[in-house]
Amino acid sequence: MGNGAKAQQKRERNAGKGGKEAKSQLKSNAAALSIKCKTCFQSFQSTTNRKMLGDHASNKHGKVFADCFEAEDGVEK
């Protein structure tokens, strides 16, 4: 039996096993966008830290953290 026949037999055996199903994280990423800026309504993931949110408020809007976000935002729960 040549190598071509062995390869064909292996392909036939593996065909019955089925392939891996592609999984997307788009839905879970969209669900994680739980922090929202009050000024521009930009969404941030729940894991975003308070410093990053403060940087957004000062750089984009010229405001402080409290003007753009709730007090508990940016604190990992």
Protein backbone atom coordinates (compact mmCIF):
# COMPACT_ATOMS: atom_id res chain seq x y z
CA MET A 1 0.00 0.00 0.00
CA GLY A 2 1.45 3.36 -1.01
CA ASN A 3 1.42 6.60 0.91
CA GLY A 4 -1.41 7.97 -1.24
CA ALA A 5 -3.73 5.17 -0.14
CA LYS A 6 -2.83 5.69 3.54
CA ALA A 7 -3.52 9.41 3.28
CA GLN A 8 -6.89 8.74 1.64
CA GLN A 9 -7.85 6.27 4.37
CA LYS A 10 -6.91 8.80 7.05
CA ARG A 11 -9.02 11.49 5.35
CA GLU A 12 -11.99 9.12 5.25
CA ARG A 13 -11.62 8.23 8.94
CA ASN A 14 -11.34 11.86 10.00
CA ALA A 15 -14.28 12.97 7.87
CA GLY A 16 -16.69 11.17 10.19
CA LYS A 17 -15.39 12.98 13.28
CA GLY A 18 -16.67 16.37 12.16
CA GLY A 19 -14.83 19.64 12.26
CA LYS A 20 -14.55 22.20 14.97
CA GLU A 21 -17.35 24.68 15.13
CA ALA A 22 -16.31 28.31 14.78
CA LYS A 23 -17.17 30.35 17.85
CA SER A 24 -17.42 34.10 17.92
CA GLN A 25 -16.93 36.39 20.92
CA LEU A 26 -18.89 39.27 19.39
CA LYS A 27 -21.97 38.72 21.56
CA SER A 28 -20.01 38.37 24.78
CA ASN A 29 -17.91 41.45 23.97
CA ALA A 30 -21.05 43.48 23.29
CA ALA A 31 -22.53 42.34 26.61
CA ALA A 32 -19.38 43.44 28.45
CA LEU A 33 -19.79 47.06 27.29
CA SER A 34 -21.56 48.07 30.48
CA ILE A 35 -19.95 51.46 31.25
CA LYS A 36 -21.23 54.43 29.27
CA CYS A 37 -20.00 58.02 29.17
CA LYS A 38 -22.81 60.46 30.07
CA THR A 39 -21.49 63.09 27.66
CA CYS A 40 -20.77 61.24 24.41
CA PHE A 41 -22.45 57.88 25.21
CA GLN A 42 -19.32 55.93 24.25
CA SER A 43 -19.36 52.43 25.74
CA PHE A 44 -16.51 50.87 27.67
CA GLN A 45 -15.96 47.29 28.85
CA SER A 46 -16.69 46.58 32.48
CA THR A 47 -13.01 45.76 33.04
CA THR A 48 -11.87 49.29 32.13
CA ASN A 49 -10.11 50.85 35.10
CA ARG A 50 -10.95 54.19 36.69
CA LYS A 51 -7.75 55.86 35.41
CA MET A 52 -8.62 55.10 31.78
CA LEU A 53 -12.13 56.49 32.26
CA GLY A 54 -10.68 59.60 33.90
CA ASP A 55 -8.31 60.02 30.96
CA HIS A 56 -11.27 59.80 28.57
CA ALA A 57 -13.17 62.47 30.50
CA SER A 58 -10.25 64.89 30.62
CA ASN A 59 -8.81 64.35 27.14
CA LYS A 60 -12.02 64.12 25.15
CA HIS A 61 -14.34 66.43 27.11
CA GLY A 62 -12.12 68.56 29.37
CA LYS A 63 -14.14 67.36 32.38
CA VAL A 64 -13.44 65.30 35.48
CA PHE A 65 -14.40 61.67 36.06
CA ALA A 66 -17.53 62.49 38.10
CA ASP A 67 -18.98 64.63 35.28
CA CYS A 68 -18.90 61.76 32.77
CA PHE A 69 -19.30 58.54 34.77
CA GLU A 70 -21.06 57.09 37.80
CA ALA A 71 -19.09 56.76 41.04
CA GLU A 72 -18.93 52.94 40.91
CA ASP A 73 -17.80 52.81 37.24
CA GLY A 74 -14.25 51.68 36.65
CA VAL A 75 -14.12 49.65 39.84
CA GLU A 76 -13.94 45.94 39.10
CA LYS A 77 -16.64 44.09 40.96
